[in-house]
Amino acid sequence: MYQIQHNRRNYLNGRVKAVTMILLLTAAVFVSGFVWANSKIVIKVDGKEIVAGALSPDPKEILSVAGVLLGARDEYRVVANEAGKASVIEVYRAIPMTLTIGSKVEFVWSGKPTVGEVAESLGYNSRAYKTVPDASTRPTQSMNIRLLTLSDKTVEKELPVPFPIIRQPDAMMEKGMEAVVEPGVPGKKLATVRQMFEEGREAGYDILKEKILVEPKPEILRVGTRESNDPSRGTIRFKKLLVMEATAYTPFDDGQSGITASGIPAKRGIVAVDPRLIPLGTRVFIPGYGLALAADTGGAIKGHKIDLCIEDYNEAIRFGRRKVEVYILAE
């Protein structure tokens, strides 16, 4: 009987010890925040990879067993630890850097894996300082990290409110053409904003709240829906449509010098107009001719007449005289 009780007590003691060991191991893993998904560990250090076994839940002990010695300022990170995959520990050796804030230059050695962590470790909080290069950048040897002082203040600002655009289909106009029926007018709003500064210079702002002072006036456009003869043309917005009598001329008609009334050479894309109707310098679009600049005048070009410069004499003769639509383009 004594032997049976003794064996049972040993058995129970063994169970308790096993459970205790499991609980201790679990606690160690929980405290370290490190859970080995499998027994294969890849250590990235000094430009090479070392494969090791997971003999301990403590990464530092695994590094030591693998012969990886850490200096006082060296760092390591568990960069991958997923079930079914090899776990990865990356070692970051301490390197020399300089930290510049204003006129102050500080020489440091650090193994922190990011510029932001280097700054944080030296007491420079990310809410008060911005790093250059960016905080997520990996440091390199002899890198100069600049710290910009951040500040903010809350002010009220009057800001514009963009106007909406209302498009009305028009079957009388070609596709790709838009006419401004009523120009839009931006509104105004009073906004409470938090201005952000870097080294005393404004670097942006966040709108905290806003109140509309003047509602915007929508812009109303007529949009063409009629099939175009030139499907490759992009959208063209215009403010006025004129039906005009068109003729064609060449740059050297009647012994002309080839220089327009505006002082620029006459060529295709230059048209002669009556400046009282279409001011010189106005951009226009003429279906079948294309985009053009009103840059010339002519004795016979009065009122609703327009003369199109065509460099080829035979093409100019074939053009003859005809009615055309002249779209005065919006600025």
C-alpha atoms as a PDB file:
ATOM      1  CA  MET A   1       0.000   0.000   0.000  1.00  0.00           C
ATOM      2  CA  TYR A   2       2.803   2.391   0.966  1.00  0.00           C
ATOM      3  CA  GLN A   3       4.516   1.754  -2.392  1.00  0.00           C
ATOM      4  CA  ILE A   4       1.305   2.517  -4.305  1.00  0.00           C
ATOM      5  CA  GLN A   5       0.772   5.787  -2.401  1.00  0.00           C
ATOM      6  CA  HIS A   6       4.418   6.750  -2.892  1.00  0.00           C
ATOM      7  CA  ASN A   7       4.235   6.142  -6.664  1.00  0.00           C
ATOM      8  CA  ARG A   8       0.974   8.070  -6.872  1.00  0.00           C
ATOM      9  CA  ARG A   9       2.546  10.986  -4.971  1.00  0.00           C
ATOM     10  CA  ASN A  10       5.527  10.989  -7.329  1.00  0.00           C
ATOM     11  CA  TYR A  11       3.190  10.897 -10.315  1.00  0.00           C
ATOM     12  CA  LEU A  12       1.171  13.842  -9.016  1.00  0.00           C
ATOM     13  CA  ASN A  13       4.330  15.777  -8.171  1.00  0.00           C
ATOM     14  CA  GLY A  14       5.569  15.177 -11.740  1.00  0.00           C
ATOM     15  CA  ARG A  15       2.276  16.422 -13.159  1.00  0.00           C
ATOM     16  CA  VAL A  16       2.409  19.540 -10.990  1.00  0.00           C
ATOM     17  CA  LYS A  17       6.017  20.232 -12.021  1.00  0.00           C
ATOM     18  CA  ALA A  18       5.137  19.771 -15.725  1.00  0.00           C
ATOM     19  CA  VAL A  19       2.129  22.091 -15.457  1.00  0.00           C
ATOM     20  CA  THR A  20       4.241  24.583 -13.514  1.00  0.00           C
ATOM     21  CA  MET A  21       6.940  24.513 -16.193  1.00  0.00           C
ATOM     22  CA  ILE A  22       4.324  25.039 -18.908  1.00  0.00           C
ATOM     23  CA  LEU A  23       2.833  27.965 -16.989  1.00  0.00           C
ATOM     24  CA  LEU A  24       6.267  29.495 -16.392  1.00  0.00           C
ATOM     25  CA  LEU A  25       7.194  29.096 -20.048  1.00  0.00           C
ATOM     26  CA  THR A  26       3.862  30.606 -21.088  1.00  0.00           C
ATOM     27  CA  ALA A  27       4.396  33.485 -18.663  1.00  0.00           C
ATOM     28  CA  ALA A  28       7.902  34.092 -20.001  1.00  0.00           C
ATOM     29  CA  VAL A  29       6.613  34.129 -23.547  1.00  0.00           C
ATOM     30  CA  PHE A  30       3.764  36.473 -22.548  1.00  0.00           C
ATOM     31  CA  VAL A  31       6.105  38.860 -20.726  1.00  0.00           C
ATOM     32  CA  SER A  32       8.608  38.928 -23.575  1.00  0.00           C
ATOM     33  CA  GLY A  33       5.835  39.446 -26.140  1.00  0.00           C
ATOM     34  CA  PHE A  34       7.534  36.905 -28.309  1.00  0.00           C
ATOM     35  CA  VAL A  35       5.866  33.711 -29.514  1.00  0.00           C
ATOM     36  CA  TRP A  36       7.907  31.335 -31.638  1.00  0.00           C
ATOM     37  CA  ALA A  37       5.604  29.883 -34.267  1.00  0.00           C
ATOM     38  CA  ASN A  38       8.095  27.127 -35.081  1.00  0.00           C
ATOM     39  CA  SER A  39      11.606  26.043 -34.290  1.00  0.00           C
ATOM     40  CA  LYS A  40      13.349  27.738 -37.246  1.00  0.00           C
ATOM     41  CA  ILE A  41      14.784  31.187 -36.510  1.00  0.00           C
ATOM     42  CA  VAL A  42      16.523  33.367 -39.102  1.00  0.00           C
ATOM     43  CA  ILE A  43      18.852  35.994 -37.647  1.00  0.00           C
ATOM     44  CA  LYS A  44      19.770  38.914 -39.935  1.00  0.00           C
ATOM     45  CA  VAL A  45      22.986  40.487 -38.751  1.00  0.00           C
ATOM     46  CA  ASP A  46      26.035  42.193 -40.289  1.00  0.00           C
ATOM     47  CA  GLY A  47      24.803  41.608 -43.849  1.00  0.00           C
ATOM     48  CA  LYS A  48      24.294  37.872 -43.467  1.00  0.00           C
ATOM     49  CA  GLU A  49      21.663  35.408 -42.277  1.00  0.00           C
ATOM     50  CA  ILE A  50      22.128  32.821 -39.524  1.00  0.00           C
ATOM     51  CA  VAL A  51      19.655  29.967 -39.056  1.00  0.00           C
ATOM     52  CA  ALA A  52      19.160  29.018 -35.412  1.00  0.00           C
ATOM     53  CA  GLY A  53      16.783  26.952 -33.308  1.00  0.00           C
ATOM     54  CA  ALA A  54      14.164  28.284 -30.894  1.00  0.00           C
ATOM     55  CA  LEU A  55      15.748  26.996 -27.696  1.00  0.00           C
ATOM     56  CA  SER A  56      14.350  29.836 -25.584  1.00  0.00           C
ATOM     57  CA  PRO A  57      11.420  32.251 -25.662  1.00  0.00           C
ATOM     58  CA  ASP A  58      13.907  35.104 -25.096  1.00  0.00           C
ATOM     59  CA  PRO A  59      15.270  36.538 -28.400  1.00  0.00           C
ATOM     60  CA  LYS A  60      18.359  37.904 -26.639  1.00  0.00           C
ATOM     61  CA  GLU A  61      19.249  34.409 -25.394  1.00  0.00           C
ATOM     62  CA  ILE A  62      18.711  32.954 -28.878  1.00  0.00           C
ATOM     63  CA  LEU A  63      21.111  35.563 -30.273  1.00  0.00           C
ATOM     64  CA  SER A  64      23.686  34.715 -27.609  1.00  0.00           C
ATOM     65  CA  VAL A  65      23.475  30.958 -28.295  1.00  0.00           C
ATOM     66  CA  ALA A  66      23.882  31.686 -32.021  1.00  0.00           C
ATOM     67  CA  GLY A  67      27.082  33.592 -31.265  1.00  0.00           C
ATOM     68  CA  VAL A  68      25.636  37.038 -32.018  1.00  0.00           C
ATOM     69  CA  LEU A  69      27.025  39.443 -29.445  1.00  0.00           C
ATOM     70  CA  LEU A  70      25.192  42.701 -28.829  1.00  0.00           C
ATOM     71  CA  GLY A  71      27.061  45.880 -28.013  1.00  0.00           C
ATOM     72  CA  ALA A  72      25.763  48.338 -25.428  1.00  0.00           C
ATOM     73  CA  ARG A  73      23.955  50.431 -28.063  1.00  0.00           C
ATOM     74  CA  ASP A  74      23.042  47.671 -30.525  1.00  0.00           C
ATOM     75  CA  GLU A  75      19.334  46.912 -31.025  1.00  0.00           C
ATOM     76  CA  TYR A  76      17.302  43.989 -32.324  1.00  0.00           C
ATOM     77  CA  ARG A  77      13.739  43.624 -33.533  1.00  0.00           C
ATOM     78  CA  VAL A  78      11.527  40.602 -34.156  1.00  0.00           C
ATOM     79  CA  VAL A  79      10.455  41.518 -37.679  1.00  0.00           C
ATOM     80  CA  ALA A  80       8.503  38.330 -38.547  1.00  0.00           C
ATOM     81  CA  ASN A  81       6.893  35.736 -36.322  1.00  0.00           C
ATOM     82  CA  GLU A  82       3.999  34.034 -38.132  1.00  0.00           C
ATOM     83  CA  ALA A  83       2.682  30.520 -37.706  1.00  0.00           C
ATOM     84  CA  GLY A  84       4.054  28.115 -40.301  1.00  0.00           C
ATOM     85  CA  LYS A  85       6.899  30.431 -41.314  1.00  0.00           C
ATOM     86  CA  ALA A  86      10.436  30.957 -40.101  1.00  0.00           C
ATOM     87  CA  SER A  87      10.660  33.646 -37.421  1.00  0.00           C
ATOM     88  CA  VAL A  88      13.074  36.500 -38.128  1.00  0.00           C
ATOM     89  CA  ILE A  89      15.196  38.554 -35.746  1.00  0.00           C
ATOM     90  CA  GLU A  90      17.033  41.526 -37.235  1.00  0.00           C
ATOM     91  CA  VAL A  91      20.020  43.061 -35.473  1.00  0.00           C
ATOM     92  CA  TYR A  92      20.818  46.770 -35.881  1.00  0.00           C
ATOM     93  CA  ARG A  93      24.392  47.698 -35.067  1.00  0.00           C
ATOM     94  CA  ALA A  94      25.029  51.087 -33.488  1.00  0.00           C
ATOM     95  CA  ILE A  95      26.441  53.624 -35.951  1.00  0.00           C
ATOM     96  CA  PRO A  96      27.635  57.242 -35.624  1.00  0.00           C
ATOM     97  CA  MET A  97      25.237  60.047 -36.613  1.00  0.00           C
ATOM     98  CA  THR A  98      24.801  63.750 -36.008  1.00  0.00           C
ATOM     99  CA  LEU A  99      21.638  65.420 -34.791  1.00  0.00           C
ATOM    100  CA  THR A 100      21.135  69.077 -35.726  1.00  0.00           C
ATOM    101  CA  ILE A 101      18.556  71.326 -34.092  1.00  0.00           C
ATOM    102  CA  GLY A 102      18.959  74.999 -34.913  1.00  0.00           C
ATOM    103  CA  SER A 103      22.621  75.853 -34.365  1.00  0.00           C
ATOM    104  CA  LYS A 104      23.144  72.918 -32.003  1.00  0.00           C
ATOM    105  CA  VAL A 105      24.896  69.812 -33.384  1.00  0.00           C
ATOM    106  CA  GLU A 106      24.924  66.623 -31.312  1.00  0.00           C
ATOM    107  CA  PHE A 107      27.116  63.588 -32.094  1.00  0.00           C
ATOM    108  CA  VAL A 108      25.418  60.266 -31.265  1.00  0.00           C
ATOM    109  CA  TRP A 109      25.882  56.523 -31.596  1.00  0.00           C
ATOM    110  CA  SER A 110      22.643  54.587 -31.979  1.00  0.00           C
ATOM    111  CA  GLY A 111      21.361  51.214 -33.116  1.00  0.00           C
ATOM    112  CA  LYS A 112      17.752  52.377 -33.385  1.00  0.00           C
ATOM    113  CA  PRO A 113      16.219  51.105 -36.650  1.00  0.00           C
ATOM    114  CA  THR A 114      14.498  54.381 -37.659  1.00  0.00           C
ATOM    115  CA  VAL A 115      15.330  58.071 -37.619  1.00  0.00           C
ATOM    116  CA  GLY A 116      12.226  58.731 -35.518  1.00  0.00           C
ATOM    117  CA  GLU A 117      13.319  56.246 -32.851  1.00  0.00           C
ATOM    118  CA  VAL A 118      16.777  57.826 -32.725  1.00  0.00           C
ATOM    119  CA  ALA A 119      15.233  61.225 -32.033  1.00  0.00           C
ATOM    120  CA  GLU A 120      12.727  59.805 -29.508  1.00  0.00           C
ATOM    121  CA  SER A 121      15.516  58.001 -27.619  1.00  0.00           C
ATOM    122  CA  LEU A 122      17.294  61.331 -27.165  1.00  0.00           C
ATOM    123  CA  GLY A 123      14.186  62.978 -25.734  1.00  0.00           C
ATOM    124  CA  TYR A 124      12.888  64.714 -28.867  1.00  0.00           C
ATOM    125  CA  ASN A 125       9.159  63.939 -28.963  1.00  0.00           C
ATOM    126  CA  SER A 126       7.580  63.520 -32.397  1.00  0.00           C
ATOM    127  CA  ARG A 127       4.760  65.886 -31.428  1.00  0.00           C
ATOM    128  CA  ALA A 128       7.242  68.698 -30.814  1.00  0.00           C
ATOM    129  CA  TYR A 129       9.806  67.953 -33.538  1.00  0.00           C
ATOM    130  CA  LYS A 130       9.831  66.822 -37.156  1.00  0.00           C
ATOM    131  CA  THR A 131      12.800  64.862 -38.478  1.00  0.00           C
ATOM    132  CA  VAL A 132      14.513  65.350 -41.825  1.00  0.00           C
ATOM    133  CA  PRO A 133      14.788  62.767 -43.319  1.00  0.00           C
ATOM    134  CA  ASP A 134      11.366  61.325 -42.493  1.00  0.00           C
ATOM    135  CA  ALA A 135      10.920  59.503 -39.170  1.00  0.00           C
ATOM    136  CA  SER A 136      10.483  56.106 -40.887  1.00  0.00           C
ATOM    137  CA  THR A 137      13.873  56.328 -42.672  1.00  0.00           C
ATOM    138  CA  ARG A 138      16.532  53.787 -41.713  1.00  0.00           C
ATOM    139  CA  PRO A 139      19.651  55.551 -40.409  1.00  0.00           C
ATOM    140  CA  THR A 140      22.940  55.246 -42.256  1.00  0.00           C
ATOM    141  CA  GLN A 141      26.461  55.820 -41.023  1.00  0.00           C
ATOM    142  CA  SER A 142      27.373  59.517 -40.550  1.00  0.00           C
ATOM    143  CA  MET A 143      23.800  60.565 -41.436  1.00  0.00           C
ATOM    144  CA  ASN A 144      22.847  64.092 -40.387  1.00  0.00           C
ATOM    145  CA  ILE A 145      19.362  64.136 -38.856  1.00  0.00           C
ATOM    146  CA  ARG A 146      17.791  67.597 -38.747  1.00  0.00           C
ATOM    147  CA  LEU A 147      15.097  68.375 -36.201  1.00  0.00           C
ATOM    148  CA  LEU A 148      12.540  71.054 -37.022  1.00  0.00           C
ATOM    149  CA  THR A 149      10.671  72.601 -34.112  1.00  0.00           C
ATOM    150  CA  LEU A 150       6.915  72.151 -34.470  1.00  0.00           C
ATOM    151  CA  SER A 151       4.329  74.557 -33.094  1.00  0.00           C
ATOM    152  CA  ASP A 152       0.715  75.459 -33.742  1.00  0.00           C
ATOM    153  CA  LYS A 153      -1.877  78.074 -32.949  1.00  0.00           C
ATOM    154  CA  THR A 154      -5.623  78.357 -33.432  1.00  0.00           C
ATOM    155  CA  VAL A 155      -6.929  81.292 -35.468  1.00  0.00           C
ATOM    156  CA  GLU A 156     -10.002  82.299 -37.479  1.00  0.00           C
ATOM    157  CA  LYS A 157      -9.604  82.592 -41.241  1.00  0.00           C
ATOM    158  CA  GLU A 158     -11.928  83.679 -44.041  1.00  0.00           C
ATOM    159  CA  LEU A 159     -11.652  81.044 -46.774  1.00  0.00           C
ATOM    160  CA  PRO A 160     -13.255  80.660 -50.213  1.00  0.00           C
ATOM    161  CA  VAL A 161     -15.975  78.078 -50.831  1.00  0.00           C
ATOM    162  CA  PRO A 162     -15.637  76.505 -54.316  1.00  0.00           C
ATOM    163  CA  PHE A 163     -18.700  76.896 -56.514  1.00  0.00           C
ATOM    164  CA  PRO A 164     -20.505  73.810 -57.852  1.00  0.00           C
ATOM    165  CA  ILE A 165     -20.884  73.252 -61.602  1.00  0.00           C
ATOM    166  CA  ILE A 166     -24.257  72.453 -63.149  1.00  0.00           C
ATOM    167  CA  ARG A 167     -24.060  70.932 -66.646  1.00  0.00           C
ATOM    168  CA  GLN A 168     -27.080  71.230 -68.931  1.00  0.00           C
ATOM    169  CA  PRO A 169     -27.138  69.040 -72.085  1.00  0.00           C
ATOM    170  CA  ASP A 170     -27.587  70.899 -75.389  1.00  0.00           C
ATOM    171  CA  ALA A 171     -28.358  68.922 -78.548  1.00  0.00           C
ATOM    172  CA  MET A 172     -27.510  71.950 -80.731  1.00  0.00           C
ATOM    173  CA  MET A 173     -23.843  71.856 -79.720  1.00  0.00           C
ATOM    174  CA  GLU A 174     -21.186  69.308 -80.641  1.00  0.00           C
ATOM    175  CA  LYS A 175     -19.930  66.799 -78.086  1.00  0.00           C
ATOM    176  CA  GLY A 176     -16.853  68.094 -76.315  1.00  0.00           C
ATOM    177  CA  MET A 177     -18.047  71.707 -76.404  1.00  0.00           C
ATOM    178  CA  GLU A 178     -19.090  73.556 -73.258  1.00  0.00           C
ATOM    179  CA  ALA A 179     -20.608  77.037 -73.064  1.00  0.00           C
ATOM    180  CA  VAL A 180     -20.619  79.112 -69.894  1.00  0.00           C
ATOM    181  CA  VAL A 181     -24.211  80.272 -69.403  1.00  0.00           C
ATOM    182  CA  GLU A 182     -23.650  81.788 -65.969  1.00  0.00           C
ATOM    183  CA  PRO A 183     -20.171  82.040 -64.450  1.00  0.00           C
ATOM    184  CA  GLY A 184     -19.764  80.634 -60.967  1.00  0.00           C
ATOM    185  CA  VAL A 185     -18.903  82.810 -58.002  1.00  0.00           C
ATOM    186  CA  PRO A 186     -17.025  81.365 -54.996  1.00  0.00           C
ATOM    187  CA  GLY A 187     -18.627  81.734 -51.591  1.00  0.00           C
ATOM    188  CA  LYS A 188     -16.984  82.623 -48.297  1.00  0.00           C
ATOM    189  CA  LYS A 189     -16.712  80.850 -44.979  1.00  0.00           C
ATOM    190  CA  LEU A 190     -15.280  81.713 -41.600  1.00  0.00           C
ATOM    191  CA  ALA A 191     -13.149  78.819 -40.409  1.00  0.00           C
ATOM    192  CA  THR A 192     -11.496  78.103 -37.098  1.00  0.00           C
ATOM    193  CA  VAL A 193      -8.201  76.547 -38.088  1.00  0.00           C
ATOM    194  CA  ARG A 194      -5.162  75.176 -36.341  1.00  0.00           C
ATOM    195  CA  GLN A 195      -2.124  76.552 -38.142  1.00  0.00           C
ATOM    196  CA  MET A 196       0.960  74.350 -38.035  1.00  0.00           C
ATOM    197  CA  PHE A 197       4.477  75.752 -38.169  1.00  0.00           C
ATOM    198  CA  GLU A 198       7.909  74.271 -38.827  1.00  0.00           C
ATOM    199  CA  GLU A 199      10.741  76.440 -37.554  1.00  0.00           C
ATOM    200  CA  GLY A 200       8.255  79.327 -37.369  1.00  0.00           C
ATOM    201  CA  ARG A 201       7.117  78.952 -41.005  1.00  0.00           C
ATOM    202  CA  GLU A 202       3.533  77.921 -41.765  1.00  0.00           C
ATOM    203  CA  ALA A 203       3.422  74.323 -43.007  1.00  0.00           C
ATOM    204  CA  GLY A 204      -0.333  73.770 -43.288  1.00  0.00           C
ATOM    205  CA  TYR A 205      -3.521  73.906 -41.301  1.00  0.00           C
ATOM    206  CA  ASP A 206      -6.433  71.782 -40.091  1.00  0.00           C
ATOM    207  CA  ILE A 207      -9.990  73.133 -40.161  1.00  0.00           C
ATOM    208  CA  LEU A 208     -11.586  72.611 -36.746  1.00  0.00           C
ATOM    209  CA  LYS A 209     -14.986  74.174 -37.515  1.00  0.00           C
ATOM    210  CA  GLU A 210     -16.477  76.478 -40.106  1.00  0.00           C
ATOM    211  CA  LYS A 211     -19.446  78.746 -40.767  1.00  0.00           C
ATOM    212  CA  ILE A 212     -20.710  79.739 -44.236  1.00  0.00           C
ATOM    213  CA  LEU A 213     -20.813  83.525 -44.644  1.00  0.00           C
ATOM    214  CA  VAL A 214     -21.729  83.719 -48.347  1.00  0.00           C
ATOM    215  CA  GLU A 215     -23.155  80.783 -50.283  1.00  0.00           C
ATOM    216  CA  PRO A 216     -21.348  80.083 -53.583  1.00  0.00           C
ATOM    217  CA  LYS A 217     -23.176  80.736 -56.841  1.00  0.00           C
ATOM    218  CA  PRO A 218     -23.097  77.684 -59.117  1.00  0.00           C
ATOM    219  CA  GLU A 219     -21.610  77.852 -62.597  1.00  0.00           C
ATOM    220  CA  ILE A 220     -24.060  76.785 -65.274  1.00  0.00           C
ATOM    221  CA  LEU A 221     -22.675  75.179 -68.432  1.00  0.00           C
ATOM    222  CA  ARG A 222     -24.306  74.081 -71.641  1.00  0.00           C
ATOM    223  CA  VAL A 223     -22.744  70.778 -72.699  1.00  0.00           C
ATOM    224  CA  GLY A 224     -22.913  69.587 -76.289  1.00  0.00           C
ATOM    225  CA  THR A 225     -24.447  66.205 -77.069  1.00  0.00           C
ATOM    226  CA  ARG A 226     -24.410  66.350 -80.898  1.00  0.00           C
ATOM    227  CA  GLU A 227     -21.958  63.931 -82.560  1.00  0.00           C
ATOM    228  CA  SER A 228     -18.726  65.672 -83.554  1.00  0.00           C
ATOM    229  CA  ASN A 229     -16.887  65.381 -86.885  1.00  0.00           C
ATOM    230  CA  ASP A 230     -13.649  65.257 -84.928  1.00  0.00           C
ATOM    231  CA  PRO A 231     -13.978  62.611 -82.191  1.00  0.00           C
ATOM    232  CA  SER A 232     -10.300  62.958 -81.206  1.00  0.00           C
ATOM    233  CA  ARG A 233     -10.794  66.510 -79.966  1.00  0.00           C
ATOM    234  CA  GLY A 234     -10.887  66.945 -76.212  1.00  0.00           C
ATOM    235  CA  THR A 235     -13.350  68.987 -74.195  1.00  0.00           C
ATOM    236  CA  ILE A 236     -13.328  72.686 -75.094  1.00  0.00           C
ATOM    237  CA  ARG A 237     -15.074  75.263 -72.908  1.00  0.00           C
ATOM    238  CA  PHE A 238     -16.247  78.493 -74.535  1.00  0.00           C
ATOM    239  CA  LYS A 239     -18.159  81.572 -73.452  1.00  0.00           C
ATOM    240  CA  LYS A 240     -19.773  82.668 -76.720  1.00  0.00           C
ATOM    241  CA  LEU A 241     -20.778  81.146 -80.056  1.00  0.00           C
ATOM    242  CA  LEU A 242     -20.832  83.291 -83.212  1.00  0.00           C
ATOM    243  CA  VAL A 243     -21.981  82.309 -86.684  1.00  0.00           C
ATOM    244  CA  MET A 244     -19.672  84.119 -89.103  1.00  0.00           C
ATOM    245  CA  GLU A 245     -18.866  84.336 -92.798  1.00  0.00           C
ATOM    246  CA  ALA A 246     -15.417  82.830 -93.345  1.00  0.00           C
ATOM    247  CA  THR A 247     -12.862  83.207 -96.093  1.00  0.00           C
ATOM    248  CA  ALA A 248      -9.279  81.995 -96.336  1.00  0.00           C
ATOM    249  CA  TYR A 249      -5.983  83.703 -97.088  1.00  0.00           C
ATOM    250  CA  THR A 250      -2.321  82.743 -97.379  1.00  0.00           C
ATOM    251  CA  PRO A 251       0.483  84.503 -95.500  1.00  0.00           C
ATOM    252  CA  PHE A 252       1.719  86.313 -98.628  1.00  0.00           C
ATOM    253  CA  ASP A 253      -1.540  87.223-100.382  1.00  0.00           C
ATOM    254  CA  ASP A 254      -1.296  90.405-102.494  1.00  0.00           C
ATOM    255  CA  GLY A 255       2.387  90.811-101.730  1.00  0.00           C
ATOM    256  CA  GLN A 256       1.887  90.912 -97.969  1.00  0.00           C
ATOM    257  CA  SER A 257       4.950  90.529 -95.709  1.00  0.00           C
ATOM    258  CA  GLY A 258       3.588  87.496 -93.867  1.00  0.00           C
ATOM    259  CA  ILE A 259       3.486  89.490 -90.604  1.00  0.00           C
ATOM    260  CA  THR A 260       0.114  89.983 -88.892  1.00  0.00           C
ATOM    261  CA  ALA A 261      -1.334  93.126 -87.329  1.00  0.00           C
ATOM    262  CA  SER A 262      -0.187  91.717 -83.982  1.00  0.00           C
ATOM    263  CA  GLY A 263       3.404  91.494 -85.194  1.00  0.00           C
ATOM    264  CA  ILE A 264       3.583  87.692 -85.291  1.00  0.00           C
ATOM    265  CA  PRO A 265       4.071  85.592 -88.440  1.00  0.00           C
ATOM    266  CA  ALA A 266       0.915  84.561 -90.282  1.00  0.00           C
ATOM    267  CA  LYS A 267       0.460  80.790 -90.402  1.00  0.00           C
ATOM    268  CA  ARG A 268      -2.243  78.173 -89.992  1.00  0.00           C
ATOM    269  CA  GLY A 269      -4.019  78.790 -86.697  1.00  0.00           C
ATOM    270  CA  ILE A 270      -3.972  82.589 -87.099  1.00  0.00           C
ATOM    271  CA  VAL A 271      -7.233  84.291 -88.054  1.00  0.00           C
ATOM    272  CA  ALA A 272      -8.116  87.862 -89.032  1.00  0.00           C
ATOM    273  CA  VAL A 273     -11.092  89.408 -87.230  1.00  0.00           C
ATOM    274  CA  ASP A 274     -12.809  92.694 -86.548  1.00  0.00           C
ATOM    275  CA  PRO A 275     -11.261  93.704 -83.177  1.00  0.00           C
ATOM    276  CA  ARG A 276     -14.483  95.484 -82.207  1.00  0.00           C
ATOM    277  CA  LEU A 277     -16.251  92.110 -82.220  1.00  0.00           C
ATOM    278  CA  ILE A 278     -13.391  89.748 -81.294  1.00  0.00           C
ATOM    279  CA  PRO A 279     -10.429  91.410 -79.519  1.00  0.00           C
ATOM    280  CA  LEU A 280      -6.962  90.528 -80.771  1.00  0.00           C
ATOM    281  CA  GLY A 281      -5.385  87.844 -78.637  1.00  0.00           C
ATOM    282  CA  THR A 282      -8.666  85.934 -78.247  1.00  0.00           C
ATOM    283  CA  ARG A 283      -8.508  82.157 -78.608  1.00  0.00           C
ATOM    284  CA  VAL A 284     -11.238  80.631 -80.769  1.00  0.00           C
ATOM    285  CA  PHE A 285     -12.275  77.238 -82.084  1.00  0.00           C
ATOM    286  CA  ILE A 286     -13.684  76.722 -85.581  1.00  0.00           C
ATOM    287  CA  PRO A 287     -15.020  73.248 -86.502  1.00  0.00           C
ATOM    288  CA  GLY A 288     -13.129  71.932 -89.537  1.00  0.00           C
ATOM    289  CA  TYR A 289     -10.251  74.364 -88.946  1.00  0.00           C
ATOM    290  CA  GLY A 290      -9.375  73.837 -85.295  1.00  0.00           C
ATOM    291  CA  LEU A 291      -8.003  76.002 -82.525  1.00  0.00           C
ATOM    292  CA  ALA A 292      -6.921  79.462 -83.603  1.00  0.00           C
ATOM    293  CA  LEU A 293      -5.707  82.829 -82.338  1.00  0.00           C
ATOM    294  CA  ALA A 294      -7.312  86.118 -83.367  1.00  0.00           C
ATOM    295  CA  ALA A 295      -4.121  87.990 -84.266  1.00  0.00           C
ATOM    296  CA  ASP A 296      -4.744  89.722 -87.603  1.00  0.00           C
ATOM    297  CA  THR A 297      -7.094  92.261 -89.188  1.00  0.00           C
ATOM    298  CA  GLY A 298      -8.130  93.118 -92.729  1.00  0.00           C
ATOM    299  CA  GLY A 299      -9.789  95.977 -94.574  1.00  0.00           C
ATOM    300  CA  ALA A 300     -12.686  93.759 -95.643  1.00  0.00           C
ATOM    301  CA  ILE A 301     -13.002  91.964 -92.310  1.00  0.00           C
ATOM    302  CA  LYS A 302     -15.810  93.858 -90.604  1.00  0.00           C
ATOM    303  CA  GLY A 303     -18.474  92.635 -88.206  1.00  0.00           C
ATOM    304  CA  HIS A 304     -19.343  88.942 -88.450  1.00  0.00           C
ATOM    305  CA  LYS A 305     -16.588  88.098 -90.924  1.00  0.00           C
ATOM    306  CA  ILE A 306     -13.442  86.073 -90.293  1.00  0.00           C
ATOM    307  CA  ASP A 307     -10.431  85.263 -92.490  1.00  0.00           C
ATOM    308  CA  LEU A 308      -8.571  81.997 -91.830  1.00  0.00           C
ATOM    309  CA  CYS A 309      -4.867  81.729 -92.604  1.00  0.00           C
ATOM    310  CA  ILE A 310      -4.147  78.606 -94.683  1.00  0.00           C
ATOM    311  CA  GLU A 311      -0.560  78.185 -95.857  1.00  0.00           C
ATOM    312  CA  ASP A 312      -1.385  76.053 -98.904  1.00  0.00           C
ATOM    313  CA  TYR A 313      -2.698  78.244-101.743  1.00  0.00           C
ATOM    314  CA  ASN A 314      -4.817  75.529-103.387  1.00  0.00           C
ATOM    315  CA  GLU A 315      -6.438  74.607-100.058  1.00  0.00           C
ATOM    316  CA  ALA A 316      -7.228  78.279 -99.448  1.00  0.00           C
ATOM    317  CA  ILE A 317      -8.891  78.543-102.875  1.00  0.00           C
ATOM    318  CA  ARG A 318     -10.950  75.386-102.247  1.00  0.00           C
ATOM    319  CA  PHE A 319     -12.119  76.768 -98.911  1.00  0.00           C
ATOM    320  CA  GLY A 320     -13.878  79.614-100.674  1.00  0.00           C
ATOM    321  CA  ARG A 321     -16.516  81.455 -98.670  1.00  0.00           C
ATOM    322  CA  ARG A 322     -18.776  79.713 -96.183  1.00  0.00           C
ATOM    323  CA  LYS A 323     -20.669  80.047 -92.913  1.00  0.00           C
ATOM    324  CA  VAL A 324     -18.807  78.719 -89.856  1.00  0.00           C
ATOM    325  CA  GLU A 325     -19.392  78.467 -86.147  1.00  0.00           C
ATOM    326  CA  VAL A 326     -16.785  80.410 -84.174  1.00  0.00           C
ATOM    327  CA  TYR A 327     -16.506  79.443 -80.515  1.00  0.00           C
ATOM    328  CA  ILE A 328     -14.965  82.162 -78.328  1.00  0.00           C
ATOM    329  CA  LEU A 329     -13.030  80.134 -75.777  1.00  0.00           C
ATOM    330  CA  ALA A 330     -13.212  80.758 -72.039  1.00  0.00           C
ATOM    331  CA  GLU A 331     -10.050  81.997 -70.351  1.00  0.00           C
END
